[in-house]
């Protein structure tokens, strides 16, 4: 039945290229798995060639680096992958991460192309209405790409110097577009078979939900710390200080409880020994 995220818009999904070719000034979203080191040459190449490239992150490790900088054991280190604040993508404020899908999709809708190893980063681009291309690095992402006819290559078969413009040129969304209604019918039949509800079949439920989303104010993207004003950073530091104080209070409470338990156990043991001596 595939990934339910692909059916955000029900049986309606159509991806079209808005330009014949991809230029160096076009906006590119790179959806990277930071643990896939084979991406390093591609990251270097695209960072140097496309000034409007952005790395849209999805993992908790990168979120921590964006919020608080490098972990103590990693400070001052460098790597070809964007895992440290010393990486050019961090230094140049070209990393974004979203806490909610709606601002994430709004952001991607302003791009020309998204590509990389993240299957859900690619899917988010597609349901945002922009062309996406997957560099499949494992069987799970490959299976989803094949099922939905998402343009893709196996990462191991992609040349180290493959360019986004090449991927964009070869991407064909005909099968994805034409097969979407059938795939939607398949997942809805599956849900009906197992007596699971579906918003699209529940009156105006989907419409009401969409309206609530439109009225909700979501937090903006998380960016590298260098992108924030001193006032914003001070607020973050104060929050950390407050959290540290709260944690310290909890630790002290636990220590006190532990001490009371140890004292009670010691007294009980002493009493048992005294009684045994009699």
Protein backbone atom coordinates (compact mmCIF):
# COMPACT_ATOMS: atom_id res chain seq x y z
CA UNK A 1 0.00 0.00 0.00
CA UNK A 2 3.04 2.29 0.05
CA UNK A 3 3.65 5.33 2.24
CA UNK A 4 0.43 7.08 3.37
CA UNK A 5 2.17 10.46 3.11
CA UNK A 6 1.96 10.23 -0.67
CA UNK A 7 -1.83 10.40 -0.38
CA UNK A 8 -1.98 13.69 1.51
CA UNK A 9 -3.98 15.14 -1.38
CA UNK A 10 -6.13 12.07 -1.88
CA UNK A 11 -6.20 10.76 -5.43
CA UNK A 12 -4.86 14.05 -6.79
CA UNK A 13 -1.12 14.35 -7.35
CA UNK A 14 0.61 15.65 -10.42
CA UNK A 15 4.26 16.56 -10.73
CA UNK A 16 5.37 18.63 -13.67
CA UNK A 17 8.74 20.13 -14.51
CA UNK A 18 8.34 23.88 -14.78
CA UNK A 19 11.51 24.34 -16.83
CA UNK A 20 13.29 22.40 -19.54
CA UNK A 21 16.66 22.35 -17.82
CA UNK A 22 18.06 23.06 -14.39
CA UNK A 23 20.38 26.08 -14.12
CA UNK A 24 23.08 26.83 -11.60
CA UNK A 25 21.01 29.62 -10.03
CA UNK A 26 17.95 27.44 -9.47
CA UNK A 27 16.92 26.48 -5.95
CA UNK A 28 17.91 22.94 -4.99
CA UNK A 29 16.97 21.04 -1.84
CA UNK A 30 19.49 18.35 -0.93
CA UNK A 31 17.88 15.71 1.32
CA UNK A 32 20.89 14.00 2.87
CA UNK A 33 21.34 10.99 5.13
CA UNK A 34 24.38 12.22 7.12
CA UNK A 35 25.51 8.67 7.86
CA UNK A 36 25.81 7.79 4.14
CA UNK A 37 29.42 8.82 3.60
CA UNK A 38 29.26 8.03 -0.12
CA UNK A 39 27.40 11.33 -0.51
CA UNK A 40 30.48 13.40 0.37
CA UNK A 41 31.67 14.01 -3.23
CA UNK A 42 28.14 14.95 -4.31
CA UNK A 43 27.79 17.40 -1.44
CA UNK A 44 31.10 19.06 -2.28
CA UNK A 45 30.27 19.28 -5.99
CA UNK A 46 26.78 20.71 -5.55
CA UNK A 47 27.81 23.14 -2.84
CA UNK A 48 30.45 24.57 -5.15
CA UNK A 49 28.24 24.67 -8.25
CA UNK A 50 24.80 25.72 -6.96
CA UNK A 51 24.75 28.83 -4.73
CA UNK A 52 21.08 28.34 -3.90
CA UNK A 53 21.49 24.80 -2.63
CA UNK A 54 19.99 24.08 0.79
CA UNK A 55 20.45 21.02 2.97
CA UNK A 56 17.08 20.12 4.48
CA UNK A 57 17.88 17.92 7.48
CA UNK A 58 15.65 15.34 9.15
CA UNK A 59 17.61 13.70 11.99
CA UNK A 60 17.88 14.46 15.70
CA UNK A 61 21.68 14.59 15.64
CA UNK A 62 21.66 17.45 13.14
CA UNK A 63 18.89 19.18 15.11
CA UNK A 64 21.14 19.16 18.18
CA UNK A 65 24.03 20.58 16.17
CA UNK A 66 21.81 23.33 14.78
CA UNK A 67 20.48 24.27 18.21
CA UNK A 68 23.55 23.98 20.42
CA UNK A 69 26.59 23.51 18.21
CA UNK A 70 28.96 20.56 18.21
CA UNK A 71 28.98 18.02 21.02
CA UNK A 72 31.99 18.43 23.36
CA UNK A 73 33.96 15.54 21.85
CA UNK A 74 33.42 16.86 18.31
CA UNK A 75 34.30 20.53 18.79
CA UNK A 76 36.92 21.80 16.37
CA UNK A 77 36.61 18.79 14.10
CA UNK A 78 35.92 18.82 10.36
CA UNK A 79 34.39 16.35 7.94
CA UNK A 80 33.32 16.16 4.32
CA UNK A 81 29.78 15.38 5.46
CA UNK A 82 27.71 18.21 7.02
CA UNK A 83 27.86 16.87 10.57
CA UNK A 84 29.88 19.66 12.24
CA UNK A 85 29.35 23.39 12.50
CA UNK A 86 32.64 23.85 10.64
CA UNK A 87 31.09 22.48 7.42
CA UNK A 88 30.47 25.18 4.77
CA UNK A 89 26.75 24.42 4.67
CA UNK A 90 26.54 25.34 8.36
CA UNK A 91 28.91 28.29 8.10
CA UNK A 92 26.95 29.75 5.16
CA UNK A 93 23.54 29.27 6.80
CA UNK A 94 22.44 26.70 4.21
CA UNK A 95 20.94 24.12 6.57
CA UNK A 96 17.27 23.98 7.53
CA UNK A 97 15.20 21.62 9.67
CA UNK A 98 11.47 21.77 10.33
CA UNK A 99 9.52 20.58 13.35
CA UNK A 100 6.20 20.36 11.47
CA UNK A 101 5.34 19.10 7.98
CA UNK A 102 3.31 22.14 6.91
CA UNK A 103 6.04 24.83 7.02
CA UNK A 104 8.40 22.20 5.61
CA UNK A 105 6.14 21.76 2.58
CA UNK A 106 5.62 25.50 2.23
CA UNK A 107 9.38 25.97 2.18
CA UNK A 108 9.99 23.26 -0.42
CA UNK A 109 7.26 24.58 -2.68
CA UNK A 110 9.58 27.49 -3.49
CA UNK A 111 12.31 25.19 -4.84
CA UNK A 112 12.91 23.90 -8.34
CA UNK A 113 14.18 20.41 -7.52
CA UNK A 114 14.85 18.13 -4.55
CA UNK A 115 17.18 15.14 -4.58
CA UNK A 116 19.09 12.89 -2.23
CA UNK A 117 18.89 9.72 -0.16
CA UNK A 118 15.99 10.60 2.14
CA UNK A 119 12.82 8.87 0.93
CA UNK A 120 10.53 11.02 3.06
CA UNK A 121 12.44 14.15 2.14
CA UNK A 122 11.79 13.21 -1.48
CA UNK A 123 8.13 12.43 -0.77
CA UNK A 124 7.71 15.75 1.05
CA UNK A 125 9.02 17.51 -2.04
CA UNK A 126 6.62 15.62 -4.29
CA UNK A 127 3.53 16.36 -2.22
CA UNK A 128 4.72 19.98 -2.12
CA UNK A 129 4.38 19.96 -5.90
CA UNK A 130 8.05 20.03 -6.92
CA UNK A 131 10.07 17.39 -8.78
CA UNK A 132 11.95 15.01 -6.52
CA UNK A 133 14.60 12.40 -7.25
CA UNK A 134 15.76 9.62 -4.93
CA UNK A 135 19.27 8.22 -4.68
CA UNK A 136 18.27 4.90 -3.13
CA UNK A 137 20.84 3.57 -0.68
CA UNK A 138 18.91 0.66 0.88
CA UNK A 139 16.17 -1.82 -0.01
CA UNK A 140 13.42 0.02 1.88
CA UNK A 141 13.85 3.31 0.04
CA UNK A 142 14.27 1.45 -3.27
CA UNK A 143 11.04 -0.49 -2.71
CA UNK A 144 9.05 2.70 -2.07
CA UNK A 145 10.55 4.45 -5.08
CA UNK A 146 9.64 1.53 -7.32
CA UNK A 147 6.12 1.24 -5.92
CA UNK A 148 5.32 4.91 -6.50
CA UNK A 149 7.36 5.23 -9.72
CA UNK A 150 9.45 7.95 -8.11
CA UNK A 151 12.42 8.76 -10.37
CA UNK A 152 15.46 7.18 -8.78
CA UNK A 153 18.86 5.60 -9.12
CA UNK A 154 20.75 3.26 -6.85
CA UNK A 155 23.31 5.39 -5.07
CA UNK A 156 26.01 2.82 -5.69
CA UNK A 157 25.39 3.12 -9.44
CA UNK A 158 25.50 6.92 -9.49
CA UNK A 159 28.84 8.39 -10.63
CA UNK A 160 30.66 10.43 -8.01
CA UNK A 161 30.33 13.46 -10.26
CA UNK A 162 26.65 13.05 -11.16
CA UNK A 163 24.99 16.46 -11.34
CA UNK A 164 21.51 17.50 -10.24
CA UNK A 165 20.89 18.86 -13.73
CA UNK A 166 21.42 15.34 -15.11
CA UNK A 167 19.01 13.86 -12.59
CA UNK A 168 16.45 16.54 -13.35
CA UNK A 169 16.77 15.95 -17.10
CA UNK A 170 16.25 12.19 -16.83
CA UNK A 171 13.42 12.37 -14.28
CA UNK A 172 10.11 11.28 -15.81
CA UNK A 173 6.95 11.65 -13.71
CA UNK A 174 4.52 10.09 -16.22
CA UNK A 175 4.18 6.78 -14.39
CA UNK A 176 3.98 8.47 -11.00
CA UNK A 177 1.19 10.75 -12.17
CA UNK A 178 -0.79 8.16 -14.12
CA UNK A 179 -0.60 5.47 -11.43
CA UNK A 180 -1.55 7.63 -8.47
CA UNK A 181 -5.33 7.10 -8.62
CA UNK A 182 -4.90 3.32 -8.74
CA UNK A 183 -2.52 3.37 -5.78
CA UNK A 184 -4.94 5.57 -3.85
CA UNK A 185 -7.77 3.12 -4.58
CA UNK A 186 -5.56 0.31 -3.30
CA UNK A 187 -4.81 1.94 0.05
CA UNK A 188 -8.43 3.03 0.58
CA UNK A 189 -9.60 -0.53 -0.14
CA UNK A 190 -7.07 -1.81 2.40
CA UNK A 191 -8.31 0.64 5.04
CA UNK A 192 -11.95 -0.26 4.35
CA UNK A 193 -11.17 -3.98 4.56
CA UNK A 194 -9.76 -3.48 8.05
CA UNK A 195 -12.49 -1.07 9.14
CA UNK A 196 -10.12 1.89 9.41
CA UNK A 197 -11.44 5.41 8.90
CA UNK A 198 -10.45 7.68 6.04
CA UNK A 199 -10.79 11.45 6.17
CA UNK A 200 -11.57 11.72 2.46
CA UNK A 201 -14.60 9.47 2.96
CA UNK A 202 -15.83 11.30 6.07
CA UNK A 203 -17.88 14.20 4.73
CA UNK A 204 -15.95 17.45 4.97
CA UNK A 205 -13.41 16.10 7.47
CA UNK A 206 -10.42 16.64 5.18
CA UNK A 207 -11.59 20.16 4.29
CA UNK A 208 -12.02 21.10 7.96
CA UNK A 209 -8.60 19.71 8.78
CA UNK A 210 -6.98 21.68 5.96
CA UNK A 211 -8.65 24.85 7.21
CA UNK A 212 -7.35 24.26 10.74
CA UNK A 213 -3.85 23.79 9.32
CA UNK A 214 -4.12 27.10 7.45
CA UNK A 215 -5.08 28.90 10.66
CA UNK A 216 -2.25 27.40 12.73
CA UNK A 217 0.97 29.33 13.29
CA UNK A 218 3.92 26.95 13.21
CA UNK A 219 7.48 27.59 14.39
CA UNK A 220 9.94 28.52 11.64
CA UNK A 221 12.78 26.34 10.42
CA UNK A 222 15.69 25.68 12.73
CA UNK A 223 18.88 27.18 11.29
CA UNK A 224 22.57 27.18 12.26
CA UNK A 225 23.28 29.19 15.40
CA UNK A 226 25.30 31.69 13.37
CA UNK A 227 22.07 32.81 11.68
CA UNK A 228 20.42 34.02 14.89
CA UNK A 229 20.55 37.42 16.55
CA UNK A 230 22.19 37.85 19.99
CA UNK A 231 18.72 38.31 21.52
CA UNK A 232 17.51 34.98 20.12
CA UNK A 233 20.65 33.20 21.29
CA UNK A 234 20.29 34.73 24.76
CA UNK A 235 16.75 33.35 24.98
CA UNK A 236 18.07 29.91 24.07
CA UNK A 237 20.85 30.11 26.67
CA UNK A 238 18.37 31.21 29.34
CA UNK A 239 16.14 28.26 28.47
CA UNK A 240 19.10 25.91 28.85
CA UNK A 241 19.95 27.46 32.20
CA UNK A 242 16.38 27.02 33.42
CA UNK A 243 16.34 23.41 32.24
CA UNK A 244 19.67 22.77 33.97
CA UNK A 245 18.28 24.18 37.22
CA UNK A 246 15.19 21.99 36.94
CA UNK A 247 17.28 18.90 36.28
CA UNK A 248 19.58 19.69 39.19
CA UNK A 249 16.57 19.99 41.51
CA UNK A 250 15.31 16.62 40.32
CA UNK A 251 18.75 15.06 40.80
CA UNK A 252 18.99 16.47 44.34
CA UNK A 253 15.55 15.07 45.14
CA UNK A 254 16.56 11.66 43.86
CA UNK A 255 19.78 11.75 45.87
CA UNK A 256 17.85 12.68 49.01
CA UNK A 257 15.40 9.83 48.47
CA UNK A 258 18.27 7.44 47.84
CA UNK A 259 20.00 8.59 51.02
CA UNK A 260 16.83 8.09 53.07
CA UNK A 261 16.46 4.59 51.65
CA UNK A 262 20.08 3.74 52.46
CA UNK A 263 19.69 5.07 56.01
CA UNK A 264 16.52 3.03 56.54
CA UNK A 265 18.25 -0.07 55.20
CA UNK A 266 21.27 0.48 57.44
CA UNK A 267 19.08 0.98 60.52
CA UNK A 268 17.00 -2.09 59.68
CA UNK A 269 20.17 -4.14 59.25
CA UNK A 270 21.54 -2.91 62.58
CA UNK A 271 18.29 -3.82 64.33
CA UNK A 272 18.29 -7.29 62.78
CA UNK A 273 21.88 -7.85 63.92
CA UNK A 274 21.03 -6.65 67.45
CA UNK A 275 18.01 -8.94 67.64
CA UNK A 276 20.05 -11.81 66.30
CA UNK A 277 22.67 -11.28 69.00
CA UNK A 278 20.02 -11.80 71.67
